[in-house]
């Protein structure tokens, strides 16, 4: 017997079904974390995309590497926010095959949010490395910088990033995709502060080396945060077990349920933020009621691990032919 503790992305009809005397309801799924914060993402995208153009023009006109590096990072904000919006939009759609035979994506397109976060991390790495290389070159031959426009644009950029920071802060706690955009905005805000300091130092003391130095500091600040985001995204893309889930402990807990004599083919993975899934084969004694095992296993996953999407195959110990896949 196979039971699905909660519906997949394409099963939102709200109908329930029972097993014996006990049943469980496949109620409407909650909106995904990214989708709940769609409006703040959209507003942040419009603000940052508009100011990116201003910063590029000002960076070229003033000759400031710090300003251009901040503009480069702001470009990744624009691309990252755009991909986040696209991923959320696609993930909340149910793509139906043109021949009417159902959907291609049995788990929906939720994984696109994680893919977007991974691409964001790659873009950030690229920008950081470029800035560090260019800063090293400019430190030996600092160019003249027009600090007046540089300072004005940096202050305006800080204001834009603080607005986006406030808009995305709550969503970053719930969605990896929103967290990626949030980290970029935070880094951009600090980048604007660095540009302001550089402009003041160059304009006041004539320290032309301050511009490439602060440009390099922006790049160095980006790298560790980008690594953390990329590592988290890669873990999910590789379908590693979620942090805090010890598979052997889970196997033992499922195996201790009344009537269960063996647990095999156990898998736990993350689809996207706030959406973990699990599957397992539960072998029971011949006289064990499979309905009770299903309900207890479902409650265990939900209450102890917060996993509401779990698929169990319950098979009696007299059953033969069920072997774990060799790959």
C-alpha atoms as a PDB file:
ATOM      1  CA  UNK A   1       0.000   0.000   0.000  1.00  0.00           C
ATOM      2  CA  UNK A   2       1.291   3.429  -0.880  1.00  0.00           C
ATOM      3  CA  UNK A   3       0.079   6.635   0.740  1.00  0.00           C
ATOM      4  CA  UNK A   4       0.961  10.240   0.116  1.00  0.00           C
ATOM      5  CA  UNK A   5       0.813  12.295   3.296  1.00  0.00           C
ATOM      6  CA  UNK A   6       0.300  15.568   1.458  1.00  0.00           C
ATOM      7  CA  UNK A   7      -0.443  16.511  -2.150  1.00  0.00           C
ATOM      8  CA  UNK A   8       2.161  17.337  -4.721  1.00  0.00           C
ATOM      9  CA  UNK A   9       2.108  20.777  -6.356  1.00  0.00           C
ATOM     10  CA  UNK A  10      -0.509  19.682  -8.861  1.00  0.00           C
ATOM     11  CA  UNK A  11      -2.937  18.356  -6.242  1.00  0.00           C
ATOM     12  CA  UNK A  12      -4.663  21.321  -4.627  1.00  0.00           C
ATOM     13  CA  UNK A  13      -8.292  20.259  -4.876  1.00  0.00           C
ATOM     14  CA  UNK A  14      -8.691  20.042  -1.119  1.00  0.00           C
ATOM     15  CA  UNK A  15     -10.354  16.609  -1.187  1.00  0.00           C
ATOM     16  CA  UNK A  16      -9.530  14.144   1.547  1.00  0.00           C
ATOM     17  CA  UNK A  17      -9.402  10.368   1.549  1.00  0.00           C
ATOM     18  CA  UNK A  18      -9.478   7.897   4.392  1.00  0.00           C
ATOM     19  CA  UNK A  19      -7.668   4.728   5.346  1.00  0.00           C
ATOM     20  CA  UNK A  20      -9.926   2.455   7.331  1.00  0.00           C
ATOM     21  CA  UNK A  21     -11.316   4.367  10.299  1.00  0.00           C
ATOM     22  CA  UNK A  22      -8.740   7.116  10.042  1.00  0.00           C
ATOM     23  CA  UNK A  23      -8.162   9.556   7.255  1.00  0.00           C
ATOM     24  CA  UNK A  24      -6.145  12.575   6.435  1.00  0.00           C
ATOM     25  CA  UNK A  25      -7.003  15.568   4.346  1.00  0.00           C
ATOM     26  CA  UNK A  26      -5.099  16.833   1.360  1.00  0.00           C
ATOM     27  CA  UNK A  27      -5.990  20.444   1.986  1.00  0.00           C
ATOM     28  CA  UNK A  28      -4.963  23.434  -0.094  1.00  0.00           C
ATOM     29  CA  UNK A  29      -1.241  24.009   0.004  1.00  0.00           C
ATOM     30  CA  UNK A  30       0.074  27.181   1.561  1.00  0.00           C
ATOM     31  CA  UNK A  31       1.558  29.744  -0.770  1.00  0.00           C
ATOM     32  CA  UNK A  32       5.262  29.154  -1.189  1.00  0.00           C
ATOM     33  CA  UNK A  33       7.621  31.442   0.671  1.00  0.00           C
ATOM     34  CA  UNK A  34       8.820  33.256  -2.428  1.00  0.00           C
ATOM     35  CA  UNK A  35       5.321  33.864  -3.755  1.00  0.00           C
ATOM     36  CA  UNK A  36       4.249  35.421  -0.463  1.00  0.00           C
ATOM     37  CA  UNK A  37       6.869  38.134  -0.963  1.00  0.00           C
ATOM     38  CA  UNK A  38       6.319  38.785  -4.658  1.00  0.00           C
ATOM     39  CA  UNK A  39       5.273  42.445  -4.277  1.00  0.00           C
ATOM     40  CA  UNK A  40       8.361  43.545  -2.292  1.00  0.00           C
ATOM     41  CA  UNK A  41      10.550  41.781  -4.836  1.00  0.00           C
ATOM     42  CA  UNK A  42       8.839  43.584  -7.696  1.00  0.00           C
ATOM     43  CA  UNK A  43       9.156  47.022  -6.086  1.00  0.00           C
ATOM     44  CA  UNK A  44      12.831  46.374  -5.273  1.00  0.00           C
ATOM     45  CA  UNK A  45      13.459  45.267  -8.849  1.00  0.00           C
ATOM     46  CA  UNK A  46      11.999  48.458 -10.321  1.00  0.00           C
ATOM     47  CA  UNK A  47      13.945  50.709  -7.915  1.00  0.00           C
ATOM     48  CA  UNK A  48      17.296  48.992  -8.394  1.00  0.00           C
ATOM     49  CA  UNK A  49      16.970  48.546 -12.163  1.00  0.00           C
ATOM     50  CA  UNK A  50      16.255  52.258 -12.562  1.00  0.00           C
ATOM     51  CA  UNK A  51      19.163  53.323 -10.379  1.00  0.00           C
ATOM     52  CA  UNK A  52      21.572  50.875 -12.008  1.00  0.00           C
ATOM     53  CA  UNK A  53      21.438  52.942 -15.206  1.00  0.00           C
ATOM     54  CA  UNK A  54      22.175  56.105 -13.232  1.00  0.00           C
ATOM     55  CA  UNK A  55      25.140  54.501 -11.471  1.00  0.00           C
ATOM     56  CA  UNK A  56      26.718  53.156 -14.662  1.00  0.00           C
ATOM     57  CA  UNK A  57      26.562  56.566 -16.339  1.00  0.00           C
ATOM     58  CA  UNK A  58      27.976  58.257 -13.243  1.00  0.00           C
ATOM     59  CA  UNK A  59      30.726  55.660 -12.833  1.00  0.00           C
ATOM     60  CA  UNK A  60      31.939  56.125 -16.399  1.00  0.00           C
ATOM     61  CA  UNK A  61      31.676  59.919 -16.180  1.00  0.00           C
ATOM     62  CA  UNK A  62      33.597  60.188 -12.902  1.00  0.00           C
ATOM     63  CA  UNK A  63      36.106  57.420 -13.579  1.00  0.00           C
ATOM     64  CA  UNK A  64      35.441  55.836 -10.179  1.00  0.00           C
ATOM     65  CA  UNK A  65      36.162  52.103  -9.823  1.00  0.00           C
ATOM     66  CA  UNK A  66      34.320  52.025  -6.502  1.00  0.00           C
ATOM     67  CA  UNK A  67      31.232  53.425  -8.198  1.00  0.00           C
ATOM     68  CA  UNK A  68      31.576  51.108 -11.206  1.00  0.00           C
ATOM     69  CA  UNK A  69      32.071  48.087  -8.935  1.00  0.00           C
ATOM     70  CA  UNK A  70      28.955  49.058  -7.037  1.00  0.00           C
ATOM     71  CA  UNK A  71      27.145  49.402 -10.371  1.00  0.00           C
ATOM     72  CA  UNK A  72      28.394  45.951 -11.377  1.00  0.00           C
ATOM     73  CA  UNK A  73      27.074  44.522  -8.181  1.00  0.00           C
ATOM     74  CA  UNK A  74      23.815  46.382  -8.707  1.00  0.00           C
ATOM     75  CA  UNK A  75      23.576  44.695 -12.125  1.00  0.00           C
ATOM     76  CA  UNK A  76      23.651  41.329 -10.377  1.00  0.00           C
ATOM     77  CA  UNK A  77      20.859  42.669  -8.153  1.00  0.00           C
ATOM     78  CA  UNK A  78      18.819  43.479 -11.237  1.00  0.00           C
ATOM     79  CA  UNK A  79      19.482  40.086 -12.829  1.00  0.00           C
ATOM     80  CA  UNK A  80      19.020  38.252  -9.538  1.00  0.00           C
ATOM     81  CA  UNK A  81      15.754  39.970  -8.706  1.00  0.00           C
ATOM     82  CA  UNK A  82      14.541  39.424 -12.253  1.00  0.00           C
ATOM     83  CA  UNK A  83      15.311  35.703 -12.047  1.00  0.00           C
ATOM     84  CA  UNK A  84      13.706  35.513  -8.621  1.00  0.00           C
ATOM     85  CA  UNK A  85      10.518  37.054  -9.975  1.00  0.00           C
ATOM     86  CA  UNK A  86      10.545  34.764 -13.006  1.00  0.00           C
ATOM     87  CA  UNK A  87      11.211  31.690 -10.868  1.00  0.00           C
ATOM     88  CA  UNK A  88       8.363  32.486  -8.493  1.00  0.00           C
ATOM     89  CA  UNK A  89       5.999  33.166 -11.386  1.00  0.00           C
ATOM     90  CA  UNK A  90       6.861  29.893 -13.121  1.00  0.00           C
ATOM     91  CA  UNK A  91       6.861  27.898  -9.889  1.00  0.00           C
ATOM     92  CA  UNK A  92       3.295  28.909  -9.097  1.00  0.00           C
ATOM     93  CA  UNK A  93       1.988  27.909 -12.512  1.00  0.00           C
ATOM     94  CA  UNK A  94       0.837  24.420 -13.408  1.00  0.00           C
ATOM     95  CA  UNK A  95       2.241  23.701 -16.824  1.00  0.00           C
ATOM     96  CA  UNK A  96      -0.146  21.408 -18.709  1.00  0.00           C
ATOM     97  CA  UNK A  97       0.924  19.331 -21.666  1.00  0.00           C
ATOM     98  CA  UNK A  98      -0.555  20.381 -24.965  1.00  0.00           C
ATOM     99  CA  UNK A  99      -1.850  16.859 -25.589  1.00  0.00           C
ATOM    100  CA  UNK A 100      -3.943  17.054 -22.418  1.00  0.00           C
ATOM    101  CA  UNK A 101      -2.295  14.053 -20.750  1.00  0.00           C
ATOM    102  CA  UNK A 102      -1.167  15.910 -17.671  1.00  0.00           C
ATOM    103  CA  UNK A 103       1.830  17.826 -16.433  1.00  0.00           C
ATOM    104  CA  UNK A 104       5.516  17.361 -17.261  1.00  0.00           C
ATOM    105  CA  UNK A 105       6.579  18.566 -13.807  1.00  0.00           C
ATOM    106  CA  UNK A 106       5.135  16.278 -11.158  1.00  0.00           C
ATOM    107  CA  UNK A 107       6.639  18.430  -8.399  1.00  0.00           C
ATOM    108  CA  UNK A 108       5.829  21.679 -10.150  1.00  0.00           C
ATOM    109  CA  UNK A 109       8.575  24.212 -10.886  1.00  0.00           C
ATOM    110  CA  UNK A 110       9.474  25.073  -7.303  1.00  0.00           C
ATOM    111  CA  UNK A 111      13.116  24.061  -7.827  1.00  0.00           C
ATOM    112  CA  UNK A 112      13.546  27.063 -10.159  1.00  0.00           C
ATOM    113  CA  UNK A 113      13.794  29.275  -7.065  1.00  0.00           C
ATOM    114  CA  UNK A 114      16.875  27.345  -5.959  1.00  0.00           C
ATOM    115  CA  UNK A 115      18.375  27.395  -9.447  1.00  0.00           C
ATOM    116  CA  UNK A 116      17.950  31.182  -9.516  1.00  0.00           C
ATOM    117  CA  UNK A 117      19.741  31.482  -6.167  1.00  0.00           C
ATOM    118  CA  UNK A 118      22.605  29.351  -7.491  1.00  0.00           C
ATOM    119  CA  UNK A 119      22.986  31.466 -10.635  1.00  0.00           C
ATOM    120  CA  UNK A 120      22.937  34.587  -8.444  1.00  0.00           C
ATOM    121  CA  UNK A 121      25.907  33.243  -6.501  1.00  0.00           C
ATOM    122  CA  UNK A 122      27.852  32.608  -9.706  1.00  0.00           C
ATOM    123  CA  UNK A 123      27.182  36.156 -10.901  1.00  0.00           C
ATOM    124  CA  UNK A 124      28.325  37.591  -7.595  1.00  0.00           C
ATOM    125  CA  UNK A 125      31.538  35.575  -7.710  1.00  0.00           C
ATOM    126  CA  UNK A 126      32.231  36.916 -11.192  1.00  0.00           C
ATOM    127  CA  UNK A 127      31.683  40.535 -10.171  1.00  0.00           C
ATOM    128  CA  UNK A 128      33.829  40.180  -7.035  1.00  0.00           C
ATOM    129  CA  UNK A 129      36.757  38.665  -8.931  1.00  0.00           C
ATOM    130  CA  UNK A 130      36.597  41.345 -11.653  1.00  0.00           C
ATOM    131  CA  UNK A 131      36.605  44.141  -9.072  1.00  0.00           C
ATOM    132  CA  UNK A 132      39.596  42.655  -7.219  1.00  0.00           C
ATOM    133  CA  UNK A 133      41.617  42.323 -10.422  1.00  0.00           C
ATOM    134  CA  UNK A 134      40.768  45.850 -11.561  1.00  0.00           C
ATOM    135  CA  UNK A 135      41.519  47.269  -8.106  1.00  0.00           C
ATOM    136  CA  UNK A 136      44.975  45.686  -8.112  1.00  0.00           C
ATOM    137  CA  UNK A 137      45.680  47.293 -11.479  1.00  0.00           C
ATOM    138  CA  UNK A 138      44.457  50.735 -10.411  1.00  0.00           C
ATOM    139  CA  UNK A 139      46.362  50.774  -7.125  1.00  0.00           C
ATOM    140  CA  UNK A 140      49.613  51.040  -9.075  1.00  0.00           C
ATOM    141  CA  UNK A 141      48.278  53.823 -11.304  1.00  0.00           C
ATOM    142  CA  UNK A 142      45.257  55.536  -9.701  1.00  0.00           C
ATOM    143  CA  UNK A 143      43.249  57.604 -12.227  1.00  0.00           C
ATOM    144  CA  UNK A 144      41.704  61.003 -11.498  1.00  0.00           C
ATOM    145  CA  UNK A 145      38.200  60.791 -10.031  1.00  0.00           C
ATOM    146  CA  UNK A 146      35.457  63.438 -10.058  1.00  0.00           C
ATOM    147  CA  UNK A 147      34.338  63.078  -6.440  1.00  0.00           C
ATOM    148  CA  UNK A 148      31.379  65.512  -6.474  1.00  0.00           C
ATOM    149  CA  UNK A 149      29.003  63.499  -8.707  1.00  0.00           C
ATOM    150  CA  UNK A 150      30.479  60.302  -7.265  1.00  0.00           C
ATOM    151  CA  UNK A 151      29.378  61.289  -3.750  1.00  0.00           C
ATOM    152  CA  UNK A 152      25.870  62.378  -4.806  1.00  0.00           C
ATOM    153  CA  UNK A 153      25.217  59.152  -6.713  1.00  0.00           C
ATOM    154  CA  UNK A 154      26.583  57.018  -3.870  1.00  0.00           C
ATOM    155  CA  UNK A 155      24.238  58.674  -1.352  1.00  0.00           C
ATOM    156  CA  UNK A 156      21.240  58.172  -3.643  1.00  0.00           C
ATOM    157  CA  UNK A 157      22.298  54.548  -4.163  1.00  0.00           C
ATOM    158  CA  UNK A 158      22.405  54.019  -0.411  1.00  0.00           C
ATOM    159  CA  UNK A 159      18.848  55.353  -0.084  1.00  0.00           C
ATOM    160  CA  UNK A 160      17.597  53.014  -2.834  1.00  0.00           C
ATOM    161  CA  UNK A 161      19.279  50.014  -1.225  1.00  0.00           C
ATOM    162  CA  UNK A 162      17.939  50.815   2.233  1.00  0.00           C
ATOM    163  CA  UNK A 163      14.416  50.893   0.814  1.00  0.00           C
ATOM    164  CA  UNK A 164      14.966  47.511  -0.886  1.00  0.00           C
ATOM    165  CA  UNK A 165      16.573  46.194   2.315  1.00  0.00           C
ATOM    166  CA  UNK A 166      13.444  47.035   4.308  1.00  0.00           C
ATOM    167  CA  UNK A 167      11.192  45.467   1.663  1.00  0.00           C
ATOM    168  CA  UNK A 168      13.063  42.145   1.480  1.00  0.00           C
ATOM    169  CA  UNK A 169      14.089  41.622   5.111  1.00  0.00           C
ATOM    170  CA  UNK A 170      11.093  39.514   6.161  1.00  0.00           C
ATOM    171  CA  UNK A 171      11.075  37.407   3.005  1.00  0.00           C
ATOM    172  CA  UNK A 172      14.763  36.551   3.429  1.00  0.00           C
ATOM    173  CA  UNK A 173      13.876  34.652   6.620  1.00  0.00           C
ATOM    174  CA  UNK A 174      11.583  32.296   4.721  1.00  0.00           C
ATOM    175  CA  UNK A 175      12.820  31.890   1.134  1.00  0.00           C
ATOM    176  CA  UNK A 176      16.308  31.029  -0.128  1.00  0.00           C
ATOM    177  CA  UNK A 177      15.460  32.811  -3.346  1.00  0.00           C
ATOM    178  CA  UNK A 178      14.467  36.015  -1.540  1.00  0.00           C
ATOM    179  CA  UNK A 179      17.493  35.600   0.731  1.00  0.00           C
ATOM    180  CA  UNK A 180      19.741  35.678  -2.325  1.00  0.00           C
ATOM    181  CA  UNK A 181      18.222  38.967  -3.470  1.00  0.00           C
ATOM    182  CA  UNK A 182      18.367  40.306   0.098  1.00  0.00           C
ATOM    183  CA  UNK A 183      22.078  39.492   0.480  1.00  0.00           C
ATOM    184  CA  UNK A 184      22.804  41.278  -2.775  1.00  0.00           C
ATOM    185  CA  UNK A 185      20.926  44.363  -1.581  1.00  0.00           C
ATOM    186  CA  UNK A 186      22.744  44.313   1.766  1.00  0.00           C
ATOM    187  CA  UNK A 187      26.087  44.040   0.004  1.00  0.00           C
ATOM    188  CA  UNK A 188      25.049  46.847  -2.322  1.00  0.00           C
ATOM    189  CA  UNK A 189      24.120  49.091   0.609  1.00  0.00           C
ATOM    190  CA  UNK A 190      27.521  48.524   2.193  1.00  0.00           C
ATOM    191  CA  UNK A 191      29.049  49.119  -1.211  1.00  0.00           C
ATOM    192  CA  UNK A 192      27.332  52.501  -1.370  1.00  0.00           C
ATOM    193  CA  UNK A 193      28.765  53.337   2.063  1.00  0.00           C
ATOM    194  CA  UNK A 194      32.226  52.357   0.819  1.00  0.00           C
ATOM    195  CA  UNK A 195      31.820  54.596  -2.236  1.00  0.00           C
ATOM    196  CA  UNK A 196      30.768  57.504   0.004  1.00  0.00           C
ATOM    197  CA  UNK A 197      33.840  57.055   2.210  1.00  0.00           C
ATOM    198  CA  UNK A 198      36.096  56.767  -0.840  1.00  0.00           C
ATOM    199  CA  UNK A 199      34.636  59.935  -2.359  1.00  0.00           C
ATOM    200  CA  UNK A 200      35.200  61.860   0.884  1.00  0.00           C
ATOM    201  CA  UNK A 201      38.814  60.655   1.214  1.00  0.00           C
ATOM    202  CA  UNK A 202      39.703  61.412  -2.404  1.00  0.00           C
ATOM    203  CA  UNK A 203      37.943  64.756  -2.401  1.00  0.00           C
ATOM    204  CA  UNK A 204      39.220  65.924   0.968  1.00  0.00           C
ATOM    205  CA  UNK A 205      42.751  64.517   1.149  1.00  0.00           C
ATOM    206  CA  UNK A 206      43.504  63.707  -2.464  1.00  0.00           C
ATOM    207  CA  UNK A 207      44.075  60.028  -1.609  1.00  0.00           C
ATOM    208  CA  UNK A 208      43.410  58.614  -5.092  1.00  0.00           C
ATOM    209  CA  UNK A 209      44.269  55.097  -3.910  1.00  0.00           C
ATOM    210  CA  UNK A 210      41.142  55.134  -1.733  1.00  0.00           C
ATOM    211  CA  UNK A 211      38.872  54.591  -4.745  1.00  0.00           C
ATOM    212  CA  UNK A 212      40.385  51.252  -5.924  1.00  0.00           C
ATOM    213  CA  UNK A 213      40.977  50.204  -2.309  1.00  0.00           C
ATOM    214  CA  UNK A 214      37.324  50.544  -1.357  1.00  0.00           C
ATOM    215  CA  UNK A 215      36.340  48.956  -4.641  1.00  0.00           C
ATOM    216  CA  UNK A 216      38.425  45.929  -3.632  1.00  0.00           C
ATOM    217  CA  UNK A 217      36.884  45.891  -0.144  1.00  0.00           C
ATOM    218  CA  UNK A 218      33.436  45.638  -1.740  1.00  0.00           C
ATOM    219  CA  UNK A 219      34.628  42.590  -3.689  1.00  0.00           C
ATOM    220  CA  UNK A 220      36.130  40.947  -0.607  1.00  0.00           C
ATOM    221  CA  UNK A 221      32.938  41.530   1.387  1.00  0.00           C
ATOM    222  CA  UNK A 222      30.822  39.875  -1.312  1.00  0.00           C
ATOM    223  CA  UNK A 223      32.789  36.609  -1.548  1.00  0.00           C
ATOM    224  CA  UNK A 224      32.046  34.783   1.759  1.00  0.00           C
ATOM    225  CA  UNK A 225      28.354  35.634   1.666  1.00  0.00           C
ATOM    226  CA  UNK A 226      28.156  34.487  -1.923  1.00  0.00           C
ATOM    227  CA  UNK A 227      29.870  31.225  -0.982  1.00  0.00           C
ATOM    228  CA  UNK A 228      27.296  30.579   1.731  1.00  0.00           C
ATOM    229  CA  UNK A 229      24.391  31.183  -0.647  1.00  0.00           C
ATOM    230  CA  UNK A 230      25.925  29.020  -3.372  1.00  0.00           C
ATOM    231  CA  UNK A 231      26.723  26.166  -0.980  1.00  0.00           C
ATOM    232  CA  UNK A 232      23.162  26.115   0.335  1.00  0.00           C
ATOM    233  CA  UNK A 233      21.732  26.101  -3.189  1.00  0.00           C
ATOM    234  CA  UNK A 234      24.077  23.303  -4.298  1.00  0.00           C
ATOM    235  CA  UNK A 235      23.049  21.127  -1.339  1.00  0.00           C
ATOM    236  CA  UNK A 236      19.430  21.399  -2.417  1.00  0.00           C
ATOM    237  CA  UNK A 237      20.190  20.854  -6.114  1.00  0.00           C
ATOM    238  CA  UNK A 238      22.138  17.697  -5.180  1.00  0.00           C
ATOM    239  CA  UNK A 239      19.117  16.559  -3.125  1.00  0.00           C
ATOM    240  CA  UNK A 240      21.089  16.243   0.088  1.00  0.00           C
ATOM    241  CA  UNK A 241      19.120  15.598   3.249  1.00  0.00           C
ATOM    242  CA  UNK A 242      18.033  18.875   4.902  1.00  0.00           C
ATOM    243  CA  UNK A 243      20.246  20.149   7.733  1.00  0.00           C
ATOM    244  CA  UNK A 244      19.111  18.667  11.025  1.00  0.00           C
ATOM    245  CA  UNK A 245      17.746  15.458   9.474  1.00  0.00           C
ATOM    246  CA  UNK A 246      19.841  12.444  10.472  1.00  0.00           C
ATOM    247  CA  UNK A 247      18.681   9.636   8.176  1.00  0.00           C
ATOM    248  CA  UNK A 248      19.803   6.873  10.531  1.00  0.00           C
ATOM    249  CA  UNK A 249      17.912   8.418  13.443  1.00  0.00           C
ATOM    250  CA  UNK A 250      14.837   8.822  11.228  1.00  0.00           C
ATOM    251  CA  UNK A 251      15.161   5.221  10.053  1.00  0.00           C
ATOM    252  CA  UNK A 252      15.330   4.077  13.674  1.00  0.00           C
ATOM    253  CA  UNK A 253      12.272   6.110  14.657  1.00  0.00           C
ATOM    254  CA  UNK A 254      10.217   4.781  11.756  1.00  0.00           C
ATOM    255  CA  UNK A 255      11.428   1.265  12.553  1.00  0.00           C
ATOM    256  CA  UNK A 256      10.242   1.607  16.144  1.00  0.00           C
ATOM    257  CA  UNK A 257       6.617   2.155  15.113  1.00  0.00           C
ATOM    258  CA  UNK A 258       4.330  -0.701  16.241  1.00  0.00           C
ATOM    259  CA  UNK A 259       4.308  -3.499  13.677  1.00  0.00           C
ATOM    260  CA  UNK A 260       7.215  -2.147  11.585  1.00  0.00           C
ATOM    261  CA  UNK A 261      10.080  -4.650  11.218  1.00  0.00           C
ATOM    262  CA  UNK A 262      12.210  -2.954   8.557  1.00  0.00           C
ATOM    263  CA  UNK A 263      12.680   0.421   6.876  1.00  0.00           C
ATOM    264  CA  UNK A 264      14.426   0.709   3.521  1.00  0.00           C
ATOM    265  CA  UNK A 265      14.626   2.899   0.426  1.00  0.00           C
ATOM    266  CA  UNK A 266      14.476   5.954   2.707  1.00  0.00           C
ATOM    267  CA  UNK A 267      14.966   9.360   1.075  1.00  0.00           C
ATOM    268  CA  UNK A 268      14.600  12.915   2.393  1.00  0.00           C
ATOM    269  CA  UNK A 269      15.275  15.979   0.258  1.00  0.00           C
ATOM    270  CA  UNK A 270      14.370  19.640  -0.200  1.00  0.00           C
ATOM    271  CA  UNK A 271      12.433  20.924  -3.203  1.00  0.00           C
ATOM    272  CA  UNK A 272      12.637  24.603  -2.308  1.00  0.00           C
ATOM    273  CA  UNK A 273      12.416  26.852   0.754  1.00  0.00           C
ATOM    274  CA  UNK A 274       9.901  25.491   3.281  1.00  0.00           C
ATOM    275  CA  UNK A 275       9.220  22.399   1.168  1.00  0.00           C
ATOM    276  CA  UNK A 276      10.927  19.186   2.291  1.00  0.00           C
ATOM    277  CA  UNK A 277       9.809  15.781   1.050  1.00  0.00           C
ATOM    278  CA  UNK A 278      10.398  12.172   2.081  1.00  0.00           C
ATOM    279  CA  UNK A 279       9.714   8.650   0.855  1.00  0.00           C
ATOM    280  CA  UNK A 280      10.283   5.226   2.397  1.00  0.00           C
ATOM    281  CA  UNK A 281       9.309   1.563   2.311  1.00  0.00           C
ATOM    282  CA  UNK A 282       7.954   0.297   5.632  1.00  0.00           C
ATOM    283  CA  UNK A 283       7.882  -3.473   6.100  1.00  0.00           C
ATOM    284  CA  UNK A 284       5.408  -4.736   8.696  1.00  0.00           C
ATOM    285  CA  UNK A 285       4.301  -7.998  10.231  1.00  0.00           C
ATOM    286  CA  UNK A 286       1.564  -9.726   8.266  1.00  0.00           C
ATOM    287  CA  UNK A 287      -1.154  -9.032  10.858  1.00  0.00           C
ATOM    288  CA  UNK A 288      -0.347  -5.279  11.196  1.00  0.00           C
ATOM    289  CA  UNK A 289      -2.975  -2.790  10.021  1.00  0.00           C
ATOM    290  CA  UNK A 290      -1.219  -0.730   7.304  1.00  0.00           C
ATOM    291  CA  UNK A 291      -3.614   2.192   7.818  1.00  0.00           C
ATOM    292  CA  UNK A 292      -2.397   2.708  11.369  1.00  0.00           C
ATOM    293  CA  UNK A 293       1.260   2.513  10.281  1.00  0.00           C
ATOM    294  CA  UNK A 294       0.654   5.123   7.585  1.00  0.00           C
ATOM    295  CA  UNK A 295      -0.998   7.516  10.013  1.00  0.00           C
ATOM    296  CA  UNK A 296       1.715   7.119  12.666  1.00  0.00           C
ATOM    297  CA  UNK A 297       4.522   7.541  10.135  1.00  0.00           C
ATOM    298  CA  UNK A 298       2.858  10.638   8.723  1.00  0.00           C
ATOM    299  CA  UNK A 299       2.485  12.190  12.191  1.00  0.00           C
ATOM    300  CA  UNK A 300       6.110  11.365  13.056  1.00  0.00           C
ATOM    301  CA  UNK A 301       7.449  13.143   9.945  1.00  0.00           C
ATOM    302  CA  UNK A 302       5.178  16.148  10.460  1.00  0.00           C
ATOM    303  CA  UNK A 303       5.661  16.673  14.193  1.00  0.00           C
ATOM    304  CA  UNK A 304       9.358  15.792  14.571  1.00  0.00           C
ATOM    305  CA  UNK A 305      10.736  16.997  11.242  1.00  0.00           C
ATOM    306  CA  UNK A 306       8.172  19.419   9.864  1.00  0.00           C
ATOM    307  CA  UNK A 307       7.842  17.315   6.690  1.00  0.00           C
ATOM    308  CA  UNK A 308       4.260  17.313   5.441  1.00  0.00           C
ATOM    309  CA  UNK A 309       4.914  15.724   2.040  1.00  0.00           C
ATOM    310  CA  UNK A 310       5.808  12.086   2.692  1.00  0.00           C
ATOM    311  CA  UNK A 311       5.114   9.022   0.562  1.00  0.00           C
ATOM    312  CA  UNK A 312       5.226   5.607   2.236  1.00  0.00           C
ATOM    313  CA  UNK A 313       4.997   2.139   0.751  1.00  0.00           C
ATOM    314  CA  UNK A 314       3.802  -0.332   3.372  1.00  0.00           C
ATOM    315  CA  UNK A 315       4.521  -3.980   2.625  1.00  0.00           C
ATOM    316  CA  UNK A 316       4.042  -7.127   4.765  1.00  0.00           C
ATOM    317  CA  UNK A 317       7.107  -9.179   5.665  1.00  0.00           C
ATOM    318  CA  UNK A 318       5.632 -12.066   3.648  1.00  0.00           C
ATOM    319  CA  UNK A 319       5.960  -9.979   0.498  1.00  0.00           C
ATOM    320  CA  UNK A 320       8.853 -10.822  -1.832  1.00  0.00           C
ATOM    321  CA  UNK A 321      10.342  -9.028  -4.799  1.00  0.00           C
ATOM    322  CA  UNK A 322      10.814  -5.609  -3.230  1.00  0.00           C
ATOM    323  CA  UNK A 323      14.494  -4.782  -3.490  1.00  0.00           C
ATOM    324  CA  UNK A 324      16.230  -1.454  -3.218  1.00  0.00           C
ATOM    325  CA  UNK A 325      17.409   0.057  -6.486  1.00  0.00           C
ATOM    326  CA  UNK A 326      21.022  -0.721  -7.289  1.00  0.00           C
ATOM    327  CA  UNK A 327      21.925   2.855  -8.295  1.00  0.00           C
END
